[in-house]
C-alpha cells in the first residue's frame, strides 16, 4: 500500500478508520489488526485487516 493511498484514505472518515490501522500494521510489521467504532444508536462498525506485504515479521 503506497503512502499516497494512505494519505488520500486518511482524508475521509471511513478512510481514516481503515487507513490508520493499515499504516500502523505496516510500520510495526504486524500481520493482523482490528478496528471498531461506535456509530450510534447501538450500532457498531468493525473491520479486521491483514497485512499481506512482504514486510511482515515472524
PDB file of N, CA and C in Angstrom:
ATOM      1  N   UNK A   1       0.855  -1.164   0.000  1.00  0.00           N
ATOM      2  CA  UNK A   1       0.000   0.000   0.000  1.00  0.00           C
ATOM      3  C   UNK A   1       0.905   1.231   0.000  1.00  0.00           C
ATOM      4  N   UNK A   2       0.672   2.105  -0.916  1.00  0.00           N
ATOM      5  CA  UNK A   2       1.536   3.273  -1.061  1.00  0.00           C
ATOM      6  C   UNK A   2       1.199   4.336  -0.022  1.00  0.00           C
ATOM      7  N   UNK A   3       2.195   5.188   0.246  1.00  0.00           N
ATOM      8  CA  UNK A   3       1.967   6.300   1.161  1.00  0.00           C
ATOM      9  C   UNK A   3       0.925   7.259   0.609  1.00  0.00           C
ATOM     10  N   UNK A   4       0.891   7.421  -0.724  1.00  0.00           N
ATOM     11  CA  UNK A   4      -0.097   8.306  -1.347  1.00  0.00           C
ATOM     12  C   UNK A   4      -1.506   7.793  -1.092  1.00  0.00           C
ATOM     13  N   UNK A   5      -1.701   6.475  -1.158  1.00  0.00           N
ATOM     14  CA  UNK A   5      -3.018   5.891  -0.890  1.00  0.00           C
ATOM     15  C   UNK A   5      -3.410   6.153   0.560  1.00  0.00           C
ATOM     16  N   UNK A   6      -2.480   5.919   1.480  1.00  0.00           N
ATOM     17  CA  UNK A   6      -2.793   6.117   2.896  1.00  0.00           C
ATOM     18  C   UNK A   6      -3.108   7.578   3.193  1.00  0.00           C
ATOM     19  N   UNK A   7      -2.393   8.493   2.531  1.00  0.00           N
ATOM     20  CA  UNK A   7      -2.665   9.915   2.733  1.00  0.00           C
ATOM     21  C   UNK A   7      -4.059  10.264   2.233  1.00  0.00           C
ATOM     22  N   UNK A   8      -4.403   9.791   1.041  1.00  0.00           N
ATOM     23  CA  UNK A   8      -5.723  10.069   0.476  1.00  0.00           C
ATOM     24  C   UNK A   8      -6.815   9.413   1.313  1.00  0.00           C
ATOM     25  N   UNK A   9      -6.572   8.203   1.776  1.00  0.00           N
ATOM     26  CA  UNK A   9      -7.570   7.487   2.576  1.00  0.00           C
ATOM     27  C   UNK A   9      -7.816   8.184   3.902  1.00  0.00           C
ATOM     28  N   UNK A  10      -6.796   8.782   4.464  1.00  0.00           N
ATOM     29  CA  UNK A  10      -6.925   9.427   5.770  1.00  0.00           C
ATOM     30  C   UNK A  10      -7.753  10.703   5.706  1.00  0.00           C
ATOM     31  N   UNK A  11      -8.077  11.177   4.514  1.00  0.00           N
ATOM     32  CA  UNK A  11      -8.825  12.418   4.367  1.00  0.00           C
ATOM     33  C   UNK A  11     -10.336  12.211   4.440  1.00  0.00           C
ATOM     34  N   UNK A  12     -10.799  10.969   4.557  1.00  0.00           N
ATOM     35  CA  UNK A  12     -12.227  10.691   4.691  1.00  0.00           C
ATOM     36  C   UNK A  12     -12.453   9.965   6.008  1.00  0.00           C
ATOM     37  N   UNK A  13     -13.633  10.086   6.610  1.00  0.00           N
ATOM     38  CA  UNK A  13     -13.880   9.400   7.885  1.00  0.00           C
ATOM     39  C   UNK A  13     -13.671   7.883   7.792  1.00  0.00           C
ATOM     40  N   UNK A  14     -14.248   7.246   6.757  1.00  0.00           N
ATOM     41  CA  UNK A  14     -14.070   5.793   6.650  1.00  0.00           C
ATOM     42  C   UNK A  14     -12.634   5.454   6.269  1.00  0.00           C
ATOM     43  N   UNK A  15     -12.014   6.301   5.454  1.00  0.00           N
ATOM     44  CA  UNK A  15     -10.619   6.086   5.081  1.00  0.00           C
ATOM     45  C   UNK A  15      -9.701   6.174   6.285  1.00  0.00           C
ATOM     46  N   UNK A  16      -9.980   7.087   7.178  1.00  0.00           N
ATOM     47  CA  UNK A  16      -9.177   7.201   8.398  1.00  0.00           C
ATOM     48  C   UNK A  16      -9.371   5.969   9.269  1.00  0.00           C
ATOM     49  N   UNK A  17     -10.596   5.475   9.297  1.00  0.00           N
ATOM     50  CA  UNK A  17     -10.919   4.282  10.077  1.00  0.00           C
ATOM     51  C   UNK A  17     -10.122   3.071   9.590  1.00  0.00           C
ATOM     52  N   UNK A  18      -9.963   2.924   8.268  1.00  0.00           N
ATOM     53  CA  UNK A  18      -9.193   1.810   7.708  1.00  0.00           C
ATOM     54  C   UNK A  18      -7.728   2.159   7.487  1.00  0.00           C
ATOM     55  N   UNK A  19      -7.454   3.385   7.074  1.00  0.00           N
ATOM     56  CA  UNK A  19      -6.101   3.774   6.711  1.00  0.00           C
ATOM     57  C   UNK A  19      -5.140   3.834   7.884  1.00  0.00           C
ATOM     58  N   UNK A  20      -5.598   4.342   9.019  1.00  0.00           N
ATOM     59  CA  UNK A  20      -4.716   4.444  10.175  1.00  0.00           C
ATOM     60  C   UNK A  20      -4.274   3.078  10.677  1.00  0.00           C
ATOM     61  N   UNK A  21      -5.179   2.118  10.902  1.00  0.00           N
ATOM     62  CA  UNK A  21      -4.713   0.787  11.315  1.00  0.00           C
ATOM     63  C   UNK A  21      -3.811   0.131  10.263  1.00  0.00           C
ATOM     64  N   UNK A  22      -4.104   0.352   8.983  1.00  0.00           N
ATOM     65  CA  UNK A  22      -3.262  -0.222   7.928  1.00  0.00           C
ATOM     66  C   UNK A  22      -1.853   0.341   7.996  1.00  0.00           C
ATOM     67  N   UNK A  23      -1.745   1.629   8.239  1.00  0.00           N
ATOM     68  CA  UNK A  23      -0.430   2.267   8.347  1.00  0.00           C
ATOM     69  C   UNK A  23       0.320   1.739   9.564  1.00  0.00           C
ATOM     70  N   UNK A  24      -0.374   1.592  10.683  1.00  0.00           N
ATOM     71  CA  UNK A  24       0.258   1.078  11.903  1.00  0.00           C
ATOM     72  C   UNK A  24       0.717  -0.370  11.701  1.00  0.00           C
ATOM     73  N   UNK A  25      -0.094  -1.176  11.032  1.00  0.00           N
ATOM     74  CA  UNK A  25       0.307  -2.561  10.752  1.00  0.00           C
ATOM     75  C   UNK A  25       1.595  -2.594   9.942  1.00  0.00           C
ATOM     76  N   UNK A  26       1.682  -1.734   8.961  1.00  0.00           N
ATOM     77  CA  UNK A  26       2.880  -1.708   8.122  1.00  0.00           C
ATOM     78  C   UNK A  26       4.088  -1.207   8.902  1.00  0.00           C
ATOM     79  N   UNK A  27       3.913  -0.151   9.692  1.00  0.00           N
ATOM     80  CA  UNK A  27       5.027   0.395  10.467  1.00  0.00           C
ATOM     81  C   UNK A  27       5.552  -0.599  11.499  1.00  0.00           C
ATOM     82  N   UNK A  28       4.637  -1.324  12.157  1.00  0.00           N
ATOM     83  CA  UNK A  28       5.029  -2.284  13.206  1.00  0.00           C
ATOM     84  C   UNK A  28       5.347  -3.669  12.659  1.00  0.00           C
ATOM     85  N   UNK A  29       5.134  -3.849  11.348  1.00  0.00           N
ATOM     86  CA  UNK A  29       5.379  -5.124  10.678  1.00  0.00           C
ATOM     87  C   UNK A  29       4.569  -6.270  11.306  1.00  0.00           C
ATOM     88  N   UNK A  30       3.335  -5.945  11.668  1.00  0.00           N
ATOM     89  CA  UNK A  30       2.415  -6.931  12.234  1.00  0.00           C
ATOM     90  C   UNK A  30       1.545  -7.501  11.127  1.00  0.00           C
ATOM     91  N   UNK A  31       0.962  -8.650  11.367  1.00  0.00           N
ATOM     92  CA  UNK A  31       0.146  -9.311  10.346  1.00  0.00           C
ATOM     93  C   UNK A  31      -1.332  -8.954  10.441  1.00  0.00           C
ATOM     94  N   UNK A  32      -1.890  -8.937  11.652  1.00  0.00           N
ATOM     95  CA  UNK A  32      -3.331  -8.746  11.826  1.00  0.00           C
ATOM     96  C   UNK A  32      -3.610  -7.506  12.670  1.00  0.00           C
ATOM     97  N   UNK A  33      -4.735  -6.875  12.381  1.00  0.00           N
ATOM     98  CA  UNK A  33      -5.197  -5.743  13.170  1.00  0.00           C
ATOM     99  C   UNK A  33      -6.715  -5.677  13.136  1.00  0.00           C
ATOM    100  N   UNK A  34      -7.278  -5.014  14.116  1.00  0.00           N
ATOM    101  CA  UNK A  34      -8.727  -4.864  14.176  1.00  0.00           C
ATOM    102  C   UNK A  34      -9.054  -3.432  14.591  1.00  0.00           C
ATOM    103  N   UNK A  35     -10.120  -2.903  14.022  1.00  0.00           N
ATOM    104  CA  UNK A  35     -10.588  -1.564  14.379  1.00  0.00           C
ATOM    105  C   UNK A  35     -12.095  -1.637  14.556  1.00  0.00           C
ATOM    106  N   UNK A  36     -12.603  -0.917  15.530  1.00  0.00           N
ATOM    107  CA  UNK A  36     -14.046  -0.878  15.771  1.00  0.00           C
ATOM    108  C   UNK A  36     -14.436   0.538  16.152  1.00  0.00           C
ATOM    109  N   UNK A  37     -15.643   0.916  15.786  1.00  0.00           N
ATOM    110  CA  UNK A  37     -16.118   2.258  16.084  1.00  0.00           C
ATOM    111  C   UNK A  37     -17.618   2.200  16.341  1.00  0.00           C
ATOM    112  N   UNK A  38     -18.060   2.965  17.326  1.00  0.00           N
ATOM    113  CA  UNK A  38     -19.488   3.102  17.614  1.00  0.00           C
ATOM    114  C   UNK A  38     -20.048   4.150  16.661  1.00  0.00           C
ATOM    115  N   UNK A  39     -21.119   3.813  15.955  1.00  0.00           N
ATOM    116  CA  UNK A  39     -21.712   4.778  15.041  1.00  0.00           C
ATOM    117  C   UNK A  39     -23.066   5.280  15.543  1.00  0.00           C
ATOM    118  N   UNK A  40     -23.383   4.941  16.778  1.00  0.00           N
ATOM    119  CA  UNK A  40     -24.575   5.480  17.415  1.00  0.00           C
ATOM    120  C   UNK A  40     -25.784   4.566  17.351  1.00  0.00           C
ATOM    121  N   UNK A  41     -26.712   4.789  18.255  1.00  0.00           N
ATOM    122  CA  UNK A  41     -27.986   4.075  18.352  1.00  0.00           C
ATOM    123  C   UNK A  41     -27.766   2.559  18.415  1.00  0.00           C
ATOM    124  N   UNK A  42     -26.752   2.142  19.155  1.00  0.00           N
ATOM    125  CA  UNK A  42     -26.488   0.714  19.341  1.00  0.00           C
ATOM    126  C   UNK A  42     -25.830   0.022  18.166  1.00  0.00           C
ATOM    127  N   UNK A  43     -25.346   0.770  17.197  1.00  0.00           N
ATOM    128  CA  UNK A  43     -24.717   0.176  16.022  1.00  0.00           C
ATOM    129  C   UNK A  43     -23.197   0.316  16.116  1.00  0.00           C
ATOM    130  N   UNK A  44     -22.511  -0.699  15.587  1.00  0.00           N
ATOM    131  CA  UNK A  44     -21.051  -0.716  15.614  1.00  0.00           C
ATOM    132  C   UNK A  44     -20.538  -1.138  14.251  1.00  0.00           C
ATOM    133  N   UNK A  45     -19.400  -0.602  13.881  1.00  0.00           N
ATOM    134  CA  UNK A  45     -18.718  -0.990  12.658  1.00  0.00           C
ATOM    135  C   UNK A  45     -17.362  -1.540  13.060  1.00  0.00           C
ATOM    136  N   UNK A  46     -17.005  -2.706  12.539  1.00  0.00           N
ATOM    137  CA  UNK A  46     -15.716  -3.316  12.860  1.00  0.00           C
ATOM    138  C   UNK A  46     -15.097  -3.875  11.591  1.00  0.00           C
ATOM    139  N   UNK A  47     -13.775  -3.899  11.564  1.00  0.00           N
ATOM    140  CA  UNK A  47     -13.049  -4.435  10.418  1.00  0.00           C
ATOM    141  C   UNK A  47     -11.793  -5.142  10.935  1.00  0.00           C
ATOM    142  N   UNK A  48     -11.482  -6.267  10.323  1.00  0.00           N
ATOM    143  CA  UNK A  48     -10.239  -6.981  10.605  1.00  0.00           C
ATOM    144  C   UNK A  48      -9.353  -6.816   9.377  1.00  0.00           C
ATOM    145  N   UNK A  49      -8.128  -6.371   9.587  1.00  0.00           N
ATOM    146  CA  UNK A  49      -7.193  -6.121   8.496  1.00  0.00           C
ATOM    147  C   UNK A  49      -6.052  -7.120   8.549  1.00  0.00           C
ATOM    148  N   UNK A  50      -5.622  -7.574   7.382  1.00  0.00           N
ATOM    149  CA  UNK A  50      -4.456  -8.450   7.281  1.00  0.00           C
ATOM    150  C   UNK A  50      -3.404  -7.752   6.432  1.00  0.00           C
ATOM    151  N   UNK A  51      -2.180  -7.693   6.944  1.00  0.00           N
ATOM    152  CA  UNK A  51      -1.064  -7.128   6.213  1.00  0.00           C
ATOM    153  C   UNK A  51      -0.495  -8.223   5.324  1.00  0.00           C
ATOM    154  N   UNK A  52      -0.654  -8.090   4.021  1.00  0.00           N
ATOM    155  CA  UNK A  52      -0.211  -9.124   3.084  1.00  0.00           C
ATOM    156  C   UNK A  52       1.071  -8.728   2.364  1.00  0.00           C
ATOM    157  N   UNK A  53       1.756  -7.708   2.833  1.00  0.00           N
ATOM    158  CA  UNK A  53       3.007  -7.290   2.224  1.00  0.00           C
ATOM    159  C   UNK A  53       4.128  -8.234   2.648  1.00  0.00           C
ATOM    160  N   UNK A  54       5.262  -8.108   1.998  1.00  0.00           N
ATOM    161  CA  UNK A  54       6.436  -8.916   2.345  1.00  0.00           C
ATOM    162  C   UNK A  54       7.126  -8.414   3.590  1.00  0.00           C
ATOM    163  N   UNK A  55       6.631  -7.317   4.163  1.00  0.00           N
ATOM    164  CA  UNK A  55       7.276  -6.689   5.304  1.00  0.00           C
ATOM    165  C   UNK A  55       6.769  -7.222   6.642  1.00  0.00           C
ATOM    166  N   UNK A  56       6.089  -8.352   6.669  1.00  0.00           N
ATOM    167  CA  UNK A  56       5.526  -8.908   7.889  1.00  0.00           C
ATOM    168  C   UNK A  56       6.608  -9.670   8.639  1.00  0.00           C
ATOM    169  N   UNK A  57       6.691  -9.420   9.953  1.00  0.00           N
ATOM    170  CA  UNK A  57       7.692 -10.126  10.768  1.00  0.00           C
ATOM    171  C   UNK A  57       7.139 -11.467  11.225  1.00  0.00           C
ATOM    172  N   UNK A  58       8.069 -12.394  11.468  1.00  0.00           N
ATOM    173  CA  UNK A  58       7.800 -13.708  12.031  1.00  0.00           C
ATOM    174  C   UNK A  58       6.590 -14.347  11.572  1.00  0.00           C
TER     175      UNK A  58
END
